[in-house]
Amino acid sequence: MTEGRRMFVFGSNLAGRHGAGSAREAVARHGAVYGRATGPQGNAYAIPTKDRNLRTLPLDEIRAHVDDFIAFAIRNPDVEFDVVAVGCGLAGYAPADIAPMFRGAPPNCHLPKEFI
């Protein structure tokens, strides 16, 4: 990773169809790859909140993807991560459902005000 790099962290689906919400912005502005459901891509990082059929994932499955992201952020302390309120838009969860999943996030993760 390049020092001083910023990554846009967005909610995705397991089909990698980045057609709406923050996923659409990730493709348009941050280099997210259509068809790629999880992880780093361009200057973005995808956290799935919906399944391949665009149904909302259960919280425990989202938590596993958030844990993967946090581990990635810890391994990349030179990258600043701008996290949107994943799971709180099209997936339909409340910030109170998702915010606790980010409690272990390192200081290079900039969480949305809804999560603080």
PDB file of N, CA and C in Angstrom:
ATOM      1  N   MET A   1       0.842  -1.186   0.000  1.00  0.00           N
ATOM      2  CA  MET A   1       0.000   0.000   0.000  1.00  0.00           C
ATOM      3  C   MET A   1       0.886   1.249   0.000  1.00  0.00           C
ATOM      4  N   THR A   2       0.376   2.271  -0.608  1.00  0.00           N
ATOM      5  CA  THR A   2       1.105   3.526  -0.704  1.00  0.00           C
ATOM      6  C   THR A   2       0.870   4.354   0.548  1.00  0.00           C
ATOM      7  N   GLU A   3       1.954   4.918   1.099  1.00  0.00           N
ATOM      8  CA  GLU A   3       1.832   5.749   2.287  1.00  0.00           C
ATOM      9  C   GLU A   3       0.935   6.950   1.985  1.00  0.00           C
ATOM     10  N   GLY A   4       0.085   7.298   2.927  1.00  0.00           N
ATOM     11  CA  GLY A   4      -0.816   8.418   2.765  1.00  0.00           C
ATOM     12  C   GLY A   4      -2.069   8.099   1.960  1.00  0.00           C
ATOM     13  N   ARG A   5      -2.270   6.875   1.605  1.00  0.00           N
ATOM     14  CA  ARG A   5      -3.421   6.469   0.799  1.00  0.00           C
ATOM     15  C   ARG A   5      -4.701   6.493   1.632  1.00  0.00           C
ATOM     16  N   ARG A   6      -5.813   6.828   0.990  1.00  0.00           N
ATOM     17  CA  ARG A   6      -7.137   6.795   1.615  1.00  0.00           C
ATOM     18  C   ARG A   6      -7.972   5.760   0.896  1.00  0.00           C
ATOM     19  N   MET A   7      -8.788   5.043   1.656  1.00  0.00           N
ATOM     20  CA  MET A   7      -9.691   4.061   1.070  1.00  0.00           C
ATOM     21  C   MET A   7     -11.109   4.334   1.563  1.00  0.00           C
ATOM     22  N   PHE A   8     -12.039   4.204   0.644  1.00  0.00           N
ATOM     23  CA  PHE A   8     -13.468   4.378   0.895  1.00  0.00           C
ATOM     24  C   PHE A   8     -14.031   3.001   1.238  1.00  0.00           C
ATOM     25  N   VAL A   9     -14.606   2.854   2.423  1.00  0.00           N
ATOM     26  CA  VAL A   9     -15.124   1.558   2.882  1.00  0.00           C
ATOM     27  C   VAL A   9     -16.645   1.583   2.747  1.00  0.00           C
ATOM     28  N   PHE A  10     -17.152   0.636   1.946  1.00  0.00           N
ATOM     29  CA  PHE A  10     -18.567   0.675   1.571  1.00  0.00           C
ATOM     30  C   PHE A  10     -19.245  -0.683   1.758  1.00  0.00           C
ATOM     31  N   GLY A  11     -20.562  -0.656   1.807  1.00  0.00           N
ATOM     32  CA  GLY A  11     -21.352  -1.872   1.893  1.00  0.00           C
ATOM     33  C   GLY A  11     -21.593  -2.441   0.508  1.00  0.00           C
ATOM     34  N   SER A  12     -21.434  -3.756   0.380  1.00  0.00           N
ATOM     35  CA  SER A  12     -21.606  -4.406  -0.913  1.00  0.00           C
ATOM     36  C   SER A  12     -22.536  -5.605  -0.777  1.00  0.00           C
ATOM     37  N   ASN A  13     -22.630  -6.367  -1.861  1.00  0.00           N
ATOM     38  CA  ASN A  13     -23.391  -7.613  -1.830  1.00  0.00           C
ATOM     39  C   ASN A  13     -22.495  -8.720  -2.376  1.00  0.00           C
ATOM     40  N   LEU A  14     -22.811  -9.955  -2.043  1.00  0.00           N
ATOM     41  CA  LEU A  14     -21.953 -11.079  -2.411  1.00  0.00           C
ATOM     42  C   LEU A  14     -21.960 -11.394  -3.906  1.00  0.00           C
ATOM     43  N   ALA A  15     -22.812 -10.715  -4.668  1.00  0.00           N
ATOM     44  CA  ALA A  15     -22.779 -10.855  -6.121  1.00  0.00           C
ATOM     45  C   ALA A  15     -21.813  -9.840  -6.742  1.00  0.00           C
ATOM     46  N   GLY A  16     -21.380  -8.871  -5.940  1.00  0.00           N
ATOM     47  CA  GLY A  16     -20.488  -7.841  -6.455  1.00  0.00           C
ATOM     48  C   GLY A  16     -21.172  -6.868  -7.392  1.00  0.00           C
ATOM     49  N   ARG A  17     -22.486  -6.754  -7.289  1.00  0.00           N
ATOM     50  CA  ARG A  17     -23.244  -5.801  -8.111  1.00  0.00           C
ATOM     51  C   ARG A  17     -23.262  -4.456  -7.391  1.00  0.00           C
ATOM     52  N   HIS A  18     -22.369  -3.603  -7.771  1.00  0.00           N
ATOM     53  CA  HIS A  18     -22.215  -2.299  -7.119  1.00  0.00           C
ATOM     54  C   HIS A  18     -23.054  -1.247  -7.837  1.00  0.00           C
ATOM     55  N   GLY A  19     -24.365  -1.414  -7.806  1.00  0.00           N
ATOM     56  CA  GLY A  19     -25.230  -0.555  -8.604  1.00  0.00           C
ATOM     57  C   GLY A  19     -25.971   0.530  -7.856  1.00  0.00           C
ATOM     58  N   ALA A  20     -25.921   0.533  -6.525  1.00  0.00           N
ATOM     59  CA  ALA A  20     -26.696   1.521  -5.773  1.00  0.00           C
ATOM     60  C   ALA A  20     -25.976   1.892  -4.487  1.00  0.00           C
ATOM     61  N   GLY A  21     -26.428   2.961  -3.871  1.00  0.00           N
ATOM     62  CA  GLY A  21     -25.893   3.387  -2.583  1.00  0.00           C
ATOM     63  C   GLY A  21     -24.402   3.677  -2.621  1.00  0.00           C
ATOM     64  N   SER A  22     -23.736   3.380  -1.502  1.00  0.00           N
ATOM     65  CA  SER A  22     -22.296   3.657  -1.409  1.00  0.00           C
ATOM     66  C   SER A  22     -21.496   2.789  -2.361  1.00  0.00           C
ATOM     67  N   ALA A  23     -22.022   1.635  -2.745  1.00  0.00           N
ATOM     68  CA  ALA A  23     -21.315   0.764  -3.686  1.00  0.00           C
ATOM     69  C   ALA A  23     -21.206   1.429  -5.059  1.00  0.00           C
ATOM     70  N   ARG A  24     -22.251   2.089  -5.464  1.00  0.00           N
ATOM     71  CA  ARG A  24     -22.221   2.798  -6.746  1.00  0.00           C
ATOM     72  C   ARG A  24     -21.181   3.914  -6.707  1.00  0.00           C
ATOM     73  N   GLU A  25     -21.132   4.635  -5.595  1.00  0.00           N
ATOM     74  CA  GLU A  25     -20.127   5.686  -5.429  1.00  0.00           C
ATOM     75  C   GLU A  25     -18.718   5.090  -5.437  1.00  0.00           C
ATOM     76  N   ALA A  26     -18.569   3.922  -4.829  1.00  0.00           N
ATOM     77  CA  ALA A  26     -17.257   3.268  -4.784  1.00  0.00           C
ATOM     78  C   ALA A  26     -16.746   2.955  -6.186  1.00  0.00           C
ATOM     79  N   VAL A  27     -17.629   2.529  -7.081  1.00  0.00           N
ATOM     80  CA  VAL A  27     -17.237   2.252  -8.470  1.00  0.00           C
ATOM     81  C   VAL A  27     -16.924   3.557  -9.196  1.00  0.00           C
ATOM     82  N   ALA A  28     -17.806   4.529  -9.058  1.00  0.00           N
ATOM     83  CA  ALA A  28     -17.687   5.782  -9.802  1.00  0.00           C
ATOM     84  C   ALA A  28     -16.483   6.621  -9.388  1.00  0.00           C
ATOM     85  N   ARG A  29     -16.154   6.613  -8.093  1.00  0.00           N
ATOM     86  CA  ARG A  29     -15.139   7.548  -7.593  1.00  0.00           C
ATOM     87  C   ARG A  29     -13.910   6.918  -6.945  1.00  0.00           C
ATOM     88  N   HIS A  30     -13.978   5.628  -6.621  1.00  0.00           N
ATOM     89  CA  HIS A  30     -12.895   5.054  -5.820  1.00  0.00           C
ATOM     90  C   HIS A  30     -12.290   3.771  -6.387  1.00  0.00           C
ATOM     91  N   GLY A  31     -12.653   3.402  -7.578  1.00  0.00           N
ATOM     92  CA  GLY A  31     -12.022   2.261  -8.239  1.00  0.00           C
ATOM     93  C   GLY A  31     -12.513   0.891  -7.824  1.00  0.00           C
ATOM     94  N   ALA A  32     -13.681   0.809  -7.180  1.00  0.00           N
ATOM     95  CA  ALA A  32     -14.237  -0.505  -6.852  1.00  0.00           C
ATOM     96  C   ALA A  32     -14.516  -1.261  -8.144  1.00  0.00           C
ATOM     97  N   VAL A  33     -14.419  -2.568  -8.081  1.00  0.00           N
ATOM     98  CA  VAL A  33     -14.534  -3.418  -9.257  1.00  0.00           C
ATOM     99  C   VAL A  33     -15.889  -4.127  -9.270  1.00  0.00           C
ATOM    100  N   TYR A  34     -16.672  -3.849 -10.298  1.00  0.00           N
ATOM    101  CA  TYR A  34     -17.964  -4.509 -10.436  1.00  0.00           C
ATOM    102  C   TYR A  34     -17.735  -6.018 -10.547  1.00  0.00           C
ATOM    103  N   GLY A  35     -18.484  -6.789  -9.770  1.00  0.00           N
ATOM    104  CA  GLY A  35     -18.334  -8.240  -9.762  1.00  0.00           C
ATOM    105  C   GLY A  35     -17.455  -8.747  -8.630  1.00  0.00           C
ATOM    106  N   ARG A  36     -16.782  -7.860  -7.938  1.00  0.00           N
ATOM    107  CA  ARG A  36     -15.924  -8.249  -6.814  1.00  0.00           C
ATOM    108  C   ARG A  36     -16.633  -7.859  -5.516  1.00  0.00           C
ATOM    109  N   ALA A  37     -16.972  -8.842  -4.716  1.00  0.00           N
ATOM    110  CA  ALA A  37     -17.867  -8.645  -3.574  1.00  0.00           C
ATOM    111  C   ALA A  37     -17.199  -8.163  -2.295  1.00  0.00           C
ATOM    112  N   THR A  38     -15.962  -8.558  -2.075  1.00  0.00           N
ATOM    113  CA  THR A  38     -15.343  -8.295  -0.771  1.00  0.00           C
ATOM    114  C   THR A  38     -13.927  -7.758  -0.918  1.00  0.00           C
ATOM    115  N   GLY A  39     -13.508  -7.085   0.144  1.00  0.00           N
ATOM    116  CA  GLY A  39     -12.114  -6.704   0.281  1.00  0.00           C
ATOM    117  C   GLY A  39     -11.681  -5.496  -0.517  1.00  0.00           C
ATOM    118  N   PRO A  40     -10.339  -5.297  -0.557  1.00  0.00           N
ATOM    119  CA  PRO A  40      -9.782  -4.117  -1.207  1.00  0.00           C
ATOM    120  C   PRO A  40      -9.898  -4.195  -2.727  1.00  0.00           C
ATOM    121  N   GLN A  41     -10.170  -3.043  -3.315  1.00  0.00           N
ATOM    122  CA  GLN A  41     -10.268  -2.910  -4.770  1.00  0.00           C
ATOM    123  C   GLN A  41     -10.141  -1.437  -5.108  1.00  0.00           C
ATOM    124  N   GLY A  42      -9.129  -1.085  -5.894  1.00  0.00           N
ATOM    125  CA  GLY A  42      -8.863   0.321  -6.173  1.00  0.00           C
ATOM    126  C   GLY A  42      -8.550   1.040  -4.882  1.00  0.00           C
ATOM    127  N   ASN A  43      -9.204   2.163  -4.662  1.00  0.00           N
ATOM    128  CA  ASN A  43      -9.078   2.905  -3.401  1.00  0.00           C
ATOM    129  C   ASN A  43     -10.333   2.705  -2.568  1.00  0.00           C
ATOM    130  N   ALA A  44     -10.826   1.476  -2.568  1.00  0.00           N
ATOM    131  CA  ALA A  44     -12.049   1.142  -1.846  1.00  0.00           C
ATOM    132  C   ALA A  44     -11.904  -0.225  -1.183  1.00  0.00           C
ATOM    133  N   TYR A  45     -12.782  -0.475  -0.213  1.00  0.00           N
ATOM    134  CA  TYR A  45     -12.826  -1.766   0.481  1.00  0.00           C
ATOM    135  C   TYR A  45     -14.291  -2.128   0.651  1.00  0.00           C
ATOM    136  N   ALA A  46     -14.680  -3.310   0.169  1.00  0.00           N
ATOM    137  CA  ALA A  46     -16.075  -3.759   0.200  1.00  0.00           C
ATOM    138  C   ALA A  46     -16.352  -4.657   1.402  1.00  0.00           C
ATOM    139  N   ILE A  47     -17.386  -4.304   2.150  1.00  0.00           N
ATOM    140  CA  ILE A  47     -17.883  -5.125   3.257  1.00  0.00           C
ATOM    141  C   ILE A  47     -19.295  -5.582   2.882  1.00  0.00           C
ATOM    142  N   PRO A  48     -19.488  -6.863   2.590  1.00  0.00           N
ATOM    143  CA  PRO A  48     -20.824  -7.334   2.204  1.00  0.00           C
ATOM    144  C   PRO A  48     -21.850  -7.208   3.332  1.00  0.00           C
ATOM    145  N   THR A  49     -23.015  -6.707   2.951  1.00  0.00           N
ATOM    146  CA  THR A  49     -24.154  -6.621   3.867  1.00  0.00           C
ATOM    147  C   THR A  49     -25.383  -7.307   3.268  1.00  0.00           C
ATOM    148  N   LYS A  50     -25.248  -7.754   2.013  1.00  0.00           N
ATOM    149  CA  LYS A  50     -26.329  -8.481   1.331  1.00  0.00           C
ATOM    150  C   LYS A  50     -25.755  -9.724   0.662  1.00  0.00           C
ATOM    151  N   ASP A  51     -26.615 -10.708   0.421  1.00  0.00           N
ATOM    152  CA  ASP A  51     -26.160 -11.952  -0.198  1.00  0.00           C
ATOM    153  C   ASP A  51     -26.164 -11.840  -1.725  1.00  0.00           C
ATOM    154  N   ARG A  52     -25.937 -12.957  -2.411  1.00  0.00           N
ATOM    155  CA  ARG A  52     -25.872 -12.963  -3.884  1.00  0.00           C
ATOM    156  C   ARG A  52     -27.209 -12.591  -4.531  1.00  0.00           C
ATOM    157  N   ASN A  53     -28.303 -12.813  -3.801  1.00  0.00           N
ATOM    158  CA  ASN A  53     -29.634 -12.484  -4.303  1.00  0.00           C
ATOM    159  C   ASN A  53     -30.143 -11.141  -3.798  1.00  0.00           C
ATOM    160  N   LEU A  54     -29.226 -10.371  -3.209  1.00  0.00           N
ATOM    161  CA  LEU A  54     -29.487  -9.024  -2.699  1.00  0.00           C
ATOM    162  C   LEU A  54     -30.421  -8.991  -1.493  1.00  0.00           C
ATOM    163  N   ARG A  55     -30.449 -10.119  -0.763  1.00  0.00           N
ATOM    164  CA  ARG A  55     -31.167 -10.155   0.513  1.00  0.00           C
ATOM    165  C   ARG A  55     -30.184  -9.782   1.623  1.00  0.00           C
ATOM    166  N   THR A  56     -30.660  -9.080   2.614  1.00  0.00           N
ATOM    167  CA  THR A  56     -29.814  -8.630   3.718  1.00  0.00           C
ATOM    168  C   THR A  56     -29.221  -9.822   4.468  1.00  0.00           C
ATOM    169  N   LEU A  57     -27.915  -9.741   4.715  1.00  0.00           N
ATOM    170  CA  LEU A  57     -27.225 -10.795   5.470  1.00  0.00           C
ATOM    171  C   LEU A  57     -27.568 -10.696   6.957  1.00  0.00           C
ATOM    172  N   PRO A  58     -27.533 -11.818   7.665  1.00  0.00           N
ATOM    173  CA  PRO A  58     -27.698 -11.769   9.124  1.00  0.00           C
ATOM    174  C   PRO A  58     -26.521 -11.026   9.754  1.00  0.00           C
ATOM    175  N   LEU A  59     -26.754 -10.472  10.919  1.00  0.00           N
ATOM    176  CA  LEU A  59     -25.718  -9.686  11.593  1.00  0.00           C
ATOM    177  C   LEU A  59     -24.430 -10.464  11.837  1.00  0.00           C
ATOM    178  N   ASP A  60     -24.527 -11.754  12.176  1.00  0.00           N
ATOM    179  CA  ASP A  60     -23.300 -12.516  12.447  1.00  0.00           C
ATOM    180  C   ASP A  60     -22.442 -12.663  11.188  1.00  0.00           C
ATOM    181  N   GLU A  61     -23.057 -12.735  10.018  1.00  0.00           N
ATOM    182  CA  GLU A  61     -22.284 -12.813   8.778  1.00  0.00           C
ATOM    183  C   GLU A  61     -21.640 -11.469   8.443  1.00  0.00           C
ATOM    184  N   ILE A  62     -22.379 -10.385   8.672  1.00  0.00           N
ATOM    185  CA  ILE A  62     -21.800  -9.052   8.461  1.00  0.00           C
ATOM    186  C   ILE A  62     -20.624  -8.861   9.412  1.00  0.00           C
ATOM    187  N   ARG A  63     -20.795  -9.286  10.659  1.00  0.00           N
ATOM    188  CA  ARG A  63     -19.722  -9.152  11.653  1.00  0.00           C
ATOM    189  C   ARG A  63     -18.445  -9.846  11.175  1.00  0.00           C
ATOM    190  N   ALA A  64     -18.553 -11.009  10.573  1.00  0.00           N
ATOM    191  CA  ALA A  64     -17.371 -11.718  10.074  1.00  0.00           C
ATOM    192  C   ALA A  64     -16.659 -10.890   9.004  1.00  0.00           C
ATOM    193  N   HIS A  65     -17.414 -10.230   8.137  1.00  0.00           N
ATOM    194  CA  HIS A  65     -16.807  -9.388   7.105  1.00  0.00           C
ATOM    195  C   HIS A  65     -16.188  -8.129   7.720  1.00  0.00           C
ATOM    196  N   VAL A  66     -16.836  -7.567   8.732  1.00  0.00           N
ATOM    197  CA  VAL A  66     -16.270  -6.410   9.430  1.00  0.00           C
ATOM    198  C   VAL A  66     -14.975  -6.821  10.129  1.00  0.00           C
ATOM    199  N   ASP A  67     -14.956  -7.988  10.748  1.00  0.00           N
ATOM    200  CA  ASP A  67     -13.731  -8.475  11.396  1.00  0.00           C
ATOM    201  C   ASP A  67     -12.593  -8.605  10.386  1.00  0.00           C
ATOM    202  N   ASP A  68     -12.891  -9.093   9.180  1.00  0.00           N
ATOM    203  CA  ASP A  68     -11.872  -9.177   8.123  1.00  0.00           C
ATOM    204  C   ASP A  68     -11.352  -7.787   7.777  1.00  0.00           C
ATOM    205  N   PHE A  69     -12.270  -6.828   7.672  1.00  0.00           N
ATOM    206  CA  PHE A  69     -11.860  -5.456   7.366  1.00  0.00           C
ATOM    207  C   PHE A  69     -10.962  -4.899   8.472  1.00  0.00           C
ATOM    208  N   ILE A  70     -11.357  -5.071   9.719  1.00  0.00           N
ATOM    209  CA  ILE A  70     -10.558  -4.538  10.826  1.00  0.00           C
ATOM    210  C   ILE A  70      -9.161  -5.148  10.817  1.00  0.00           C
ATOM    211  N   ALA A  71      -9.056  -6.430  10.560  1.00  0.00           N
ATOM    212  CA  ALA A  71      -7.741  -7.074  10.478  1.00  0.00           C
ATOM    213  C   ALA A  71      -6.913  -6.454   9.345  1.00  0.00           C
ATOM    214  N   PHE A  72      -7.560  -6.175   8.212  1.00  0.00           N
ATOM    215  CA  PHE A  72      -6.883  -5.540   7.083  1.00  0.00           C
ATOM    216  C   PHE A  72      -6.404  -4.140   7.471  1.00  0.00           C
ATOM    217  N   ALA A  73      -7.247  -3.381   8.145  1.00  0.00           N
ATOM    218  CA  ALA A  73      -6.887  -2.021   8.563  1.00  0.00           C
ATOM    219  C   ALA A  73      -5.719  -2.041   9.542  1.00  0.00           C
ATOM    220  N   ILE A  74      -5.699  -3.007  10.443  1.00  0.00           N
ATOM    221  CA  ILE A  74      -4.593  -3.130  11.397  1.00  0.00           C
ATOM    222  C   ILE A  74      -3.291  -3.438  10.656  1.00  0.00           C
ATOM    223  N   ARG A  75      -3.359  -4.295   9.634  1.00  0.00           N
ATOM    224  CA  ARG A  75      -2.162  -4.654   8.850  1.00  0.00           C
ATOM    225  C   ARG A  75      -1.685  -3.520   7.945  1.00  0.00           C
ATOM    226  N   ASN A  76      -2.518  -2.499   7.764  1.00  0.00           N
ATOM    227  CA  ASN A  76      -2.188  -1.388   6.870  1.00  0.00           C
ATOM    228  C   ASN A  76      -2.327  -0.046   7.593  1.00  0.00           C
ATOM    229  N   PRO A  77      -1.481   0.197   8.593  1.00  0.00           N
ATOM    230  CA  PRO A  77      -1.610   1.417   9.395  1.00  0.00           C
ATOM    231  C   PRO A  77      -1.303   2.697   8.628  1.00  0.00           C
ATOM    232  N   ASP A  78      -0.673   2.586   7.468  1.00  0.00           N
ATOM    233  CA  ASP A  78      -0.350   3.762   6.658  1.00  0.00           C
ATOM    234  C   ASP A  78      -1.512   4.208   5.775  1.00  0.00           C
ATOM    235  N   VAL A  79      -2.609   3.470   5.807  1.00  0.00           N
ATOM    236  CA  VAL A  79      -3.789   3.793   5.004  1.00  0.00           C
ATOM    237  C   VAL A  79      -4.868   4.360   5.921  1.00  0.00           C
ATOM    238  N   GLU A  80      -5.525   5.428   5.463  1.00  0.00           N
ATOM    239  CA  GLU A  80      -6.658   6.003   6.182  1.00  0.00           C
ATOM    240  C   GLU A  80      -7.930   5.443   5.552  1.00  0.00           C
ATOM    241  N   PHE A  81      -8.818   4.914   6.380  1.00  0.00           N
ATOM    242  CA  PHE A  81     -10.049   4.285   5.903  1.00  0.00           C
ATOM    243  C   PHE A  81     -11.251   5.145   6.262  1.00  0.00           C
ATOM    244  N   ASP A  82     -11.968   5.590   5.254  1.00  0.00           N
ATOM    245  CA  ASP A  82     -13.186   6.388   5.444  1.00  0.00           C
ATOM    246  C   ASP A  82     -14.377   5.445   5.342  1.00  0.00           C
ATOM    247  N   VAL A  83     -14.934   5.109   6.492  1.00  0.00           N
ATOM    248  CA  VAL A  83     -16.001   4.109   6.583  1.00  0.00           C
ATOM    249  C   VAL A  83     -17.365   4.798   6.509  1.00  0.00           C
ATOM    250  N   VAL A  84     -18.222   4.326   5.614  1.00  0.00           N
ATOM    251  CA  VAL A  84     -19.603   4.808   5.577  1.00  0.00           C
ATOM    252  C   VAL A  84     -20.423   3.957   6.558  1.00  0.00           C
ATOM    253  N   ALA A  85     -21.662   4.327   6.761  1.00  0.00           N
ATOM    254  CA  ALA A  85     -22.534   3.581   7.675  1.00  0.00           C
ATOM    255  C   ALA A  85     -23.007   2.298   6.986  1.00  0.00           C
ATOM    256  N   VAL A  86     -22.052   1.352   6.786  1.00  0.00           N
ATOM    257  CA  VAL A  86     -22.370   0.099   6.099  1.00  0.00           C
ATOM    258  C   VAL A  86     -23.512  -0.619   6.811  1.00  0.00           C
ATOM    259  N   GLY A  87     -24.412  -1.172   6.017  1.00  0.00           N
ATOM    260  CA  GLY A  87     -25.529  -1.927   6.563  1.00  0.00           C
ATOM    261  C   GLY A  87     -26.706  -1.085   7.002  1.00  0.00           C
ATOM    262  N   CYS A  88     -26.554   0.243   6.982  1.00  0.00           N
ATOM    263  CA  CYS A  88     -27.604   1.119   7.503  1.00  0.00           C
ATOM    264  C   CYS A  88     -28.399   1.833   6.410  1.00  0.00           C
ATOM    265  N   GLY A  89     -28.097   1.529   5.173  1.00  0.00           N
ATOM    266  CA  GLY A  89     -28.851   2.115   4.060  1.00  0.00           C
ATOM    267  C   GLY A  89     -29.759   1.061   3.462  1.00  0.00           C
ATOM    268  N   LEU A  90     -29.346   0.536   2.327  1.00  0.00           N
ATOM    269  CA  LEU A  90     -30.159  -0.445   1.607  1.00  0.00           C
ATOM    270  C   LEU A  90     -30.338  -1.755   2.367  1.00  0.00           C
ATOM    271  N   ALA A  91     -29.380  -2.119   3.216  1.00  0.00           N
ATOM    272  CA  ALA A  91     -29.498  -3.361   3.993  1.00  0.00           C
ATOM    273  C   ALA A  91     -30.512  -3.227   5.126  1.00  0.00           C
ATOM    274  N   GLY A  92     -30.776  -1.993   5.563  1.00  0.00           N
ATOM    275  CA  GLY A  92     -31.866  -1.750   6.497  1.00  0.00           C
ATOM    276  C   GLY A  92     -31.594  -1.870   7.982  1.00  0.00           C
ATOM    277  N   TYR A  93     -30.352  -2.093   8.377  1.00  0.00           N
ATOM    278  CA  TYR A  93     -30.057  -2.161   9.810  1.00  0.00           C
ATOM    279  C   TYR A  93     -29.931  -0.764  10.399  1.00  0.00           C
ATOM    280  N   ALA A  94     -30.121  -0.671  11.707  1.00  0.00           N
ATOM    281  CA  ALA A  94     -29.927   0.583  12.427  1.00  0.00           C
ATOM    282  C   ALA A  94     -28.455   0.707  12.813  1.00  0.00           C
ATOM    283  N   PRO A  95     -27.950   1.937  12.948  1.00  0.00           N
ATOM    284  CA  PRO A  95     -26.568   2.107  13.395  1.00  0.00           C
ATOM    285  C   PRO A  95     -26.265   1.355  14.693  1.00  0.00           C
ATOM    286  N   ALA A  96     -27.232   1.271  15.596  1.00  0.00           N
ATOM    287  CA  ALA A  96     -27.019   0.552  16.860  1.00  0.00           C
ATOM    288  C   ALA A  96     -26.752  -0.935  16.638  1.00  0.00           C
ATOM    289  N   ASP A  97     -27.199  -1.486  15.505  1.00  0.00           N
ATOM    290  CA  ASP A  97     -26.943  -2.891  15.175  1.00  0.00           C
ATOM    291  C   ASP A  97     -25.521  -3.103  14.663  1.00  0.00           C
ATOM    292  N   ILE A  98     -25.016  -2.139  13.886  1.00  0.00           N
ATOM    293  CA  ILE A  98     -23.748  -2.295  13.185  1.00  0.00           C
ATOM    294  C   ILE A  98     -22.575  -1.658  13.931  1.00  0.00           C
ATOM    295  N   ALA A  99     -22.777  -0.515  14.542  1.00  0.00           N
ATOM    296  CA  ALA A  99     -21.681   0.224  15.184  1.00  0.00           C
ATOM    297  C   ALA A  99     -20.851  -0.620  16.152  1.00  0.00           C
ATOM    298  N   PRO A 100     -21.447  -1.472  16.984  1.00  0.00           N
ATOM    299  CA  PRO A 100     -20.613  -2.257  17.913  1.00  0.00           C
ATOM    300  C   PRO A 100     -19.604  -3.171  17.206  1.00  0.00           C
ATOM    301  N   MET A 101     -19.869  -3.524  15.969  1.00  0.00           N
ATOM    302  CA  MET A 101     -18.940  -4.384  15.228  1.00  0.00           C
ATOM    303  C   MET A 101     -17.606  -3.690  14.971  1.00  0.00           C
ATOM    304  N   PHE A 102     -17.604  -2.366  15.010  1.00  0.00           N
ATOM    305  CA  PHE A 102     -16.402  -1.587  14.708  1.00  0.00           C
ATOM    306  C   PHE A 102     -15.645  -1.158  15.962  1.00  0.00           C
ATOM    307  N   ARG A 103     -16.015  -1.664  17.128  1.00  0.00           N
ATOM    308  CA  ARG A 103     -15.346  -1.250  18.373  1.00  0.00           C
ATOM    309  C   ARG A 103     -13.845  -1.523  18.373  1.00  0.00           C
ATOM    310  N   GLY A 104     -13.398  -2.556  17.693  1.00  0.00           N
ATOM    311  CA  GLY A 104     -11.975  -2.876  17.656  1.00  0.00           C
ATOM    312  C   GLY A 104     -11.215  -2.212  16.526  1.00  0.00           C
ATOM    313  N   ALA A 105     -11.859  -1.278  15.836  1.00  0.00           N
ATOM    314  CA  ALA A 105     -11.206  -0.630  14.692  1.00  0.00           C
ATOM    315  C   ALA A 105     -10.039   0.237  15.165  1.00  0.00           C
ATOM    316  N   PRO A 106      -8.922   0.196  14.428  1.00  0.00           N
ATOM    317  CA  PRO A 106      -7.759   1.004  14.795  1.00  0.00           C
ATOM    318  C   PRO A 106      -7.986   2.489  14.474  1.00  0.00           C
ATOM    319  N   PRO A 107      -7.093   3.364  14.940  1.00  0.00           N
ATOM    320  CA  PRO A 107      -7.274   4.813  14.744  1.00  0.00           C
ATOM    321  C   PRO A 107      -7.248   5.278  13.288  1.00  0.00           C
ATOM    322  N   ASN A 108      -6.744   4.463  12.374  1.00  0.00           N
ATOM    323  CA  ASN A 108      -6.747   4.869  10.966  1.00  0.00           C
ATOM    324  C   ASN A 108      -8.099   4.627  10.297  1.00  0.00           C
ATOM    325  N   CYS A 109      -9.093   4.161  11.061  1.00  0.00           N
ATOM    326  CA  CYS A 109     -10.458   3.978  10.569  1.00  0.00           C
ATOM    327  C   CYS A 109     -11.305   5.157  11.040  1.00  0.00           C
ATOM    328  N   HIS A 110     -11.810   5.893  10.094  1.00  0.00           N
ATOM    329  CA  HIS A 110     -12.642   7.060  10.392  1.00  0.00           C
ATOM    330  C   HIS A 110     -14.101   6.642  10.214  1.00  0.00           C
ATOM    331  N   LEU A 111     -14.765   6.486  11.352  1.00  0.00           N
ATOM    332  CA  LEU A 111     -16.133   5.961  11.359  1.00  0.00           C
ATOM    333  C   LEU A 111     -17.148   7.089  11.160  1.00  0.00           C
ATOM    334  N   PRO A 112     -18.315   6.745  10.611  1.00  0.00           N
ATOM    335  CA  PRO A 112     -19.350   7.766  10.429  1.00  0.00           C
ATOM    336  C   PRO A 112     -19.909   8.184  11.787  1.00  0.00           C
ATOM    337  N   LYS A 113     -20.442   9.396  11.817  1.00  0.00           N
ATOM    338  CA  LYS A 113     -20.972   9.915  13.085  1.00  0.00           C
ATOM    339  C   LYS A 113     -22.044   9.012  13.673  1.00  0.00           C
ATOM    340  N   GLU A 114     -22.783   8.307  12.814  1.00  0.00           N
ATOM    341  CA  GLU A 114     -23.828   7.387  13.293  1.00  0.00           C
ATOM    342  C   GLU A 114     -23.253   6.259  14.134  1.00  0.00           C
ATOM    343  N   PHE A 115     -21.976   5.944  13.945  1.00  0.00           N
ATOM    344  CA  PHE A 115     -21.350   4.826  14.651  1.00  0.00           C
ATOM    345  C   PHE A 115     -20.612   5.244  15.920  1.00  0.00           C
ATOM    346  N   ILE A 116     -20.524   6.541  16.160  1.00  0.00           N
ATOM    347  CA  ILE A 116     -19.741   7.028  17.309  1.00  0.00           C
ATOM    348  C   ILE A 116     -20.662   7.350  18.478  1.00  0.00           C
TER     349      ILE A 116
END
